[in-house]
Amino acid sequence: MNKPFSGETSAKLGTKKKPAVVHVQTEERLKEVSAIFEENGWNFTIKLEADKPENITDLEILQNPPKTVTVEKTVGRNEPCPCGSGKKYKKCCG
């Protein structure tokens, strides 16, 4: 079932509205990870849980944001063929 449109925009990760949430196992790792967040000015919440596996997915997303994918322009049917024959693409290589 789809949720109804609320009109609210989603907050960016690492801001006050949507802080990054990280789980670590040791006090040493907690200091290390919090230093990275503070150095970059990101808002965060760190939970120290020795019995659970470490989860730093939000930190990895902030450090390596997804790259924008650009698609090459395709040749139109009625444009000159890129092979250089001088014919229209549809009559030559298309």
Protein backbone atom coordinates (compact mmCIF):
# COMPACT_ATOMS: atom_id res chain seq x y z
CA MET A 1 0.00 0.00 0.00
CA ASN A 2 1.39 3.41 -0.97
CA LYS A 3 1.63 6.20 1.57
CA PRO A 4 -0.27 9.38 0.74
CA PHE A 5 1.80 12.35 -0.37
CA SER A 6 2.67 14.46 2.66
CA GLY A 7 4.27 17.41 0.84
CA GLU A 8 7.40 17.24 3.01
CA THR A 9 10.81 16.94 1.42
CA SER A 10 13.20 14.32 2.73
CA ALA A 11 16.03 15.70 4.84
CA LYS A 12 19.64 15.30 3.79
CA LEU A 13 21.66 12.73 5.74
CA GLY A 14 23.93 14.28 8.38
CA THR A 15 21.68 17.29 9.13
CA LYS A 16 19.74 18.16 12.28
CA LYS A 17 16.52 16.75 10.81
CA LYS A 18 18.18 13.48 9.77
CA PRO A 19 21.37 12.77 11.74
CA ALA A 20 23.55 9.83 10.74
CA VAL A 21 23.09 6.82 13.05
CA VAL A 22 26.13 4.62 13.74
CA HIS A 23 26.65 1.56 15.98
CA VAL A 24 30.16 0.74 17.27
CA GLN A 25 31.56 -1.92 19.60
CA THR A 26 34.41 -0.18 21.47
CA GLU A 27 35.05 3.13 23.19
CA GLU A 28 38.15 3.66 21.04
CA ARG A 29 36.15 3.23 17.84
CA LEU A 30 33.49 5.60 19.19
CA LYS A 31 36.10 8.36 19.59
CA GLU A 32 37.53 7.67 16.14
CA VAL A 33 34.15 7.77 14.37
CA SER A 34 32.89 10.82 16.28
CA ALA A 35 36.07 12.71 15.32
CA ILE A 36 35.33 12.05 11.63
CA PHE A 37 31.76 13.36 12.01
CA GLU A 38 32.84 16.48 13.93
CA GLU A 39 35.64 17.23 11.45
CA ASN A 40 33.13 17.32 8.60
CA GLY A 41 30.37 19.11 10.55
CA TRP A 42 27.82 16.30 10.20
CA ASN A 43 25.15 15.67 12.84
CA PHE A 44 25.24 12.14 14.19
CA THR A 45 24.11 9.67 16.84
CA ILE A 46 26.52 6.98 17.99
CA LYS A 47 25.44 3.96 19.99
CA LEU A 48 28.03 1.89 21.86
CA GLU A 49 26.88 -1.74 21.77
CA ALA A 50 29.61 -4.30 22.41
CA ASP A 51 27.33 -7.29 21.78
CA LYS A 52 26.12 -6.18 18.32
CA PRO A 53 28.08 -5.92 15.05
CA GLU A 54 29.44 -2.55 13.97
CA ASN A 55 27.22 -0.60 11.56
CA ILE A 56 28.77 2.50 9.97
CA THR A 57 26.72 2.52 6.77
CA ASP A 58 25.57 6.15 7.19
CA LEU A 59 29.19 7.29 7.64
CA GLU A 60 30.25 5.46 4.47
CA ILE A 61 27.38 7.08 2.53
CA LEU A 62 28.42 10.55 3.72
CA GLN A 63 32.09 9.96 2.88
CA ASN A 64 31.37 8.46 -0.56
CA PRO A 65 28.22 10.08 -1.96
CA PRO A 66 26.71 8.34 -5.01
CA LYS A 67 27.97 9.70 -8.32
CA THR A 68 25.55 11.14 -10.86
CA VAL A 69 25.29 8.90 -13.91
CA THR A 70 25.24 10.68 -17.26
CA VAL A 71 23.92 8.93 -20.34
CA GLU A 72 25.54 9.55 -23.71
CA LYS A 73 23.34 11.20 -26.29
CA THR A 74 22.00 8.70 -28.82
CA VAL A 75 21.89 9.38 -32.52
CA GLY A 76 18.45 10.28 -33.86
CA ARG A 77 17.02 8.44 -36.88
CA ASN A 78 17.17 11.48 -39.15
CA GLU A 79 20.55 12.83 -38.03
CA PRO A 80 23.73 12.29 -40.07
CA CYS A 81 25.36 8.92 -39.36
CA PRO A 82 28.34 9.12 -36.95
CA CYS A 83 30.36 6.79 -39.23
CA GLY A 84 30.92 9.74 -41.59
CA SER A 85 29.17 8.38 -44.68
CA GLY A 86 27.00 11.48 -45.04
CA LYS A 87 23.80 9.43 -45.10
CA LYS A 88 21.05 9.61 -42.53
CA TYR A 89 21.53 7.19 -39.63
CA LYS A 90 18.35 5.25 -40.52
CA LYS A 91 19.63 4.58 -44.06
CA CYS A 92 23.22 3.73 -43.06
CA CYS A 93 24.01 2.08 -39.73
CA GLY A 94 20.55 2.19 -38.10
